[in-house]
Amino acid sequence: MDLETSLKEETEKWLFKVKEEVASVRLLDQKRKDILTNINAYVKDSEYFLAKNDLIRAFEAVIWAWAILENSREFGALG
């Protein structure tokens, strides 16, 4: 498998995972809605870059989405 194919597959895998996780997130209060807004913005950015075949930016955006989600859960901002 070449690098381009591998990067595209990894990006698609993480997009699927982050969307699945975001669908199950509970907001602990409305003040934290901005966190989900940011996560969803990175997901949309990743999808946009993926459609443009800009695989590095697509992967970077989805990893940011995942990092924000994980850190927010770890620090108790999301349930």
C-alpha atoms as a PDB file:
ATOM      1  CA  MET A   1       0.000   0.000   0.000  1.00  0.00           C
ATOM      2  CA  ASP A   2       1.391   3.404  -0.924  1.00  0.00           C
ATOM      3  CA  LEU A   3       1.604   6.346   1.452  1.00  0.00           C
ATOM      4  CA  GLU A   4      -1.276   8.250  -0.160  1.00  0.00           C
ATOM      5  CA  THR A   5      -3.659   5.313   0.144  1.00  0.00           C
ATOM      6  CA  SER A   6      -2.567   4.665   3.707  1.00  0.00           C
ATOM      7  CA  LEU A   7      -3.058   8.295   4.735  1.00  0.00           C
ATOM      8  CA  LYS A   8      -6.489   8.421   3.117  1.00  0.00           C
ATOM      9  CA  GLU A   9      -7.578   5.217   4.857  1.00  0.00           C
ATOM     10  CA  GLU A  10      -6.326   6.422   8.245  1.00  0.00           C
ATOM     11  CA  THR A  11      -8.131   9.739   7.810  1.00  0.00           C
ATOM     12  CA  GLU A  12     -11.378   8.003   6.878  1.00  0.00           C
ATOM     13  CA  LYS A  13     -11.011   5.625   9.842  1.00  0.00           C
ATOM     14  CA  TRP A  14     -10.551   8.496  12.307  1.00  0.00           C
ATOM     15  CA  LEU A  15     -13.372  10.511  10.743  1.00  0.00           C
ATOM     16  CA  PHE A  16     -15.706   7.577  11.283  1.00  0.00           C
ATOM     17  CA  LYS A  17     -14.522   7.129  14.882  1.00  0.00           C
ATOM     18  CA  VAL A  18     -14.810  10.793  15.837  1.00  0.00           C
ATOM     19  CA  LYS A  19     -18.281  11.129  14.284  1.00  0.00           C
ATOM     20  CA  GLU A  20     -19.427   8.024  16.142  1.00  0.00           C
ATOM     21  CA  GLU A  21     -18.074   9.356  19.438  1.00  0.00           C
ATOM     22  CA  VAL A  22     -19.507  12.851  18.947  1.00  0.00           C
ATOM     23  CA  ALA A  23     -22.942  11.329  18.350  1.00  0.00           C
ATOM     24  CA  SER A  24     -22.828   9.811  21.841  1.00  0.00           C
ATOM     25  CA  VAL A  25     -21.484  12.868  23.688  1.00  0.00           C
ATOM     26  CA  ARG A  26     -23.527  14.396  26.479  1.00  0.00           C
ATOM     27  CA  LEU A  27     -23.152  18.080  27.159  1.00  0.00           C
ATOM     28  CA  LEU A  28     -22.756  18.587  30.874  1.00  0.00           C
ATOM     29  CA  ASP A  29     -24.060  22.131  30.476  1.00  0.00           C
ATOM     30  CA  GLN A  30     -24.751  24.550  27.644  1.00  0.00           C
ATOM     31  CA  LYS A  31     -21.560  26.509  28.308  1.00  0.00           C
ATOM     32  CA  ARG A  32     -19.641  23.600  26.872  1.00  0.00           C
ATOM     33  CA  LYS A  33     -21.510  23.639  23.577  1.00  0.00           C
ATOM     34  CA  ASP A  34     -18.582  25.551  22.053  1.00  0.00           C
ATOM     35  CA  ILE A  35     -16.403  22.476  22.501  1.00  0.00           C
ATOM     36  CA  LEU A  36     -18.690  20.432  20.254  1.00  0.00           C
ATOM     37  CA  THR A  37     -18.867  23.303  17.789  1.00  0.00           C
ATOM     38  CA  ASN A  38     -15.062  23.264  17.519  1.00  0.00           C
ATOM     39  CA  ILE A  39     -14.909  19.489  17.160  1.00  0.00           C
ATOM     40  CA  ASN A  40     -17.527  19.554  14.416  1.00  0.00           C
ATOM     41  CA  ALA A  41     -15.692  22.367  12.632  1.00  0.00           C
ATOM     42  CA  TYR A  42     -12.528  20.261  12.505  1.00  0.00           C
ATOM     43  CA  VAL A  43     -14.551  17.284  11.241  1.00  0.00           C
ATOM     44  CA  LYS A  44     -16.004  19.421   8.447  1.00  0.00           C
ATOM     45  CA  ASP A  45     -12.563  20.784   7.623  1.00  0.00           C
ATOM     46  CA  SER A  46     -11.222  17.249   7.411  1.00  0.00           C
ATOM     47  CA  GLU A  47     -14.029  16.202   5.074  1.00  0.00           C
ATOM     48  CA  TYR A  48     -13.424  19.272   2.905  1.00  0.00           C
ATOM     49  CA  PHE A  49      -9.693  18.604   2.615  1.00  0.00           C
ATOM     50  CA  LEU A  50     -10.325  14.919   1.979  1.00  0.00           C
ATOM     51  CA  ALA A  51     -12.653  15.798  -0.903  1.00  0.00           C
ATOM     52  CA  LYS A  52      -9.886  18.028  -2.319  1.00  0.00           C
ATOM     53  CA  ASN A  53      -7.400  15.170  -1.890  1.00  0.00           C
ATOM     54  CA  ASP A  54      -5.380  17.349   0.492  1.00  0.00           C
ATOM     55  CA  LEU A  55      -4.633  14.353   2.656  1.00  0.00           C
ATOM     56  CA  ILE A  56      -2.167  15.901   5.071  1.00  0.00           C
ATOM     57  CA  ARG A  57      -4.530  18.702   6.071  1.00  0.00           C
ATOM     58  CA  ALA A  58      -7.456  16.252   6.182  1.00  0.00           C
ATOM     59  CA  PHE A  59      -5.571  13.993   8.580  1.00  0.00           C
ATOM     60  CA  GLU A  60      -4.369  16.919  10.672  1.00  0.00           C
ATOM     61  CA  ALA A  61      -7.915  18.267  11.066  1.00  0.00           C
ATOM     62  CA  VAL A  62      -9.398  14.942  12.127  1.00  0.00           C
ATOM     63  CA  ILE A  63      -6.611  14.401  14.653  1.00  0.00           C
ATOM     64  CA  TRP A  64      -7.336  17.841  16.141  1.00  0.00           C
ATOM     65  CA  ALA A  65     -11.019  16.903  16.405  1.00  0.00           C
ATOM     66  CA  TRP A  66     -10.116  13.672  18.170  1.00  0.00           C
ATOM     67  CA  ALA A  67      -7.656  15.399  20.515  1.00  0.00           C
ATOM     68  CA  ILE A  68     -10.195  18.024  21.567  1.00  0.00           C
ATOM     69  CA  LEU A  69     -12.796  15.316  22.164  1.00  0.00           C
ATOM     70  CA  GLU A  70     -10.457  13.138  24.236  1.00  0.00           C
ATOM     71  CA  ASN A  71      -9.057  16.034  26.265  1.00  0.00           C
ATOM     72  CA  SER A  72     -12.525  17.420  26.933  1.00  0.00           C
ATOM     73  CA  ARG A  73     -13.657  14.048  28.243  1.00  0.00           C
ATOM     74  CA  GLU A  74     -10.518  13.582  30.311  1.00  0.00           C
ATOM     75  CA  PHE A  75     -10.959  16.950  32.006  1.00  0.00           C
ATOM     76  CA  GLY A  76     -14.680  16.422  32.572  1.00  0.00           C
ATOM     77  CA  ALA A  77     -15.969  18.986  30.095  1.00  0.00           C
ATOM     78  CA  LEU A  78     -17.944  16.400  28.104  1.00  0.00           C
ATOM     79  CA  GLY A  79     -19.777  13.298  29.230  1.00  0.00           C
END
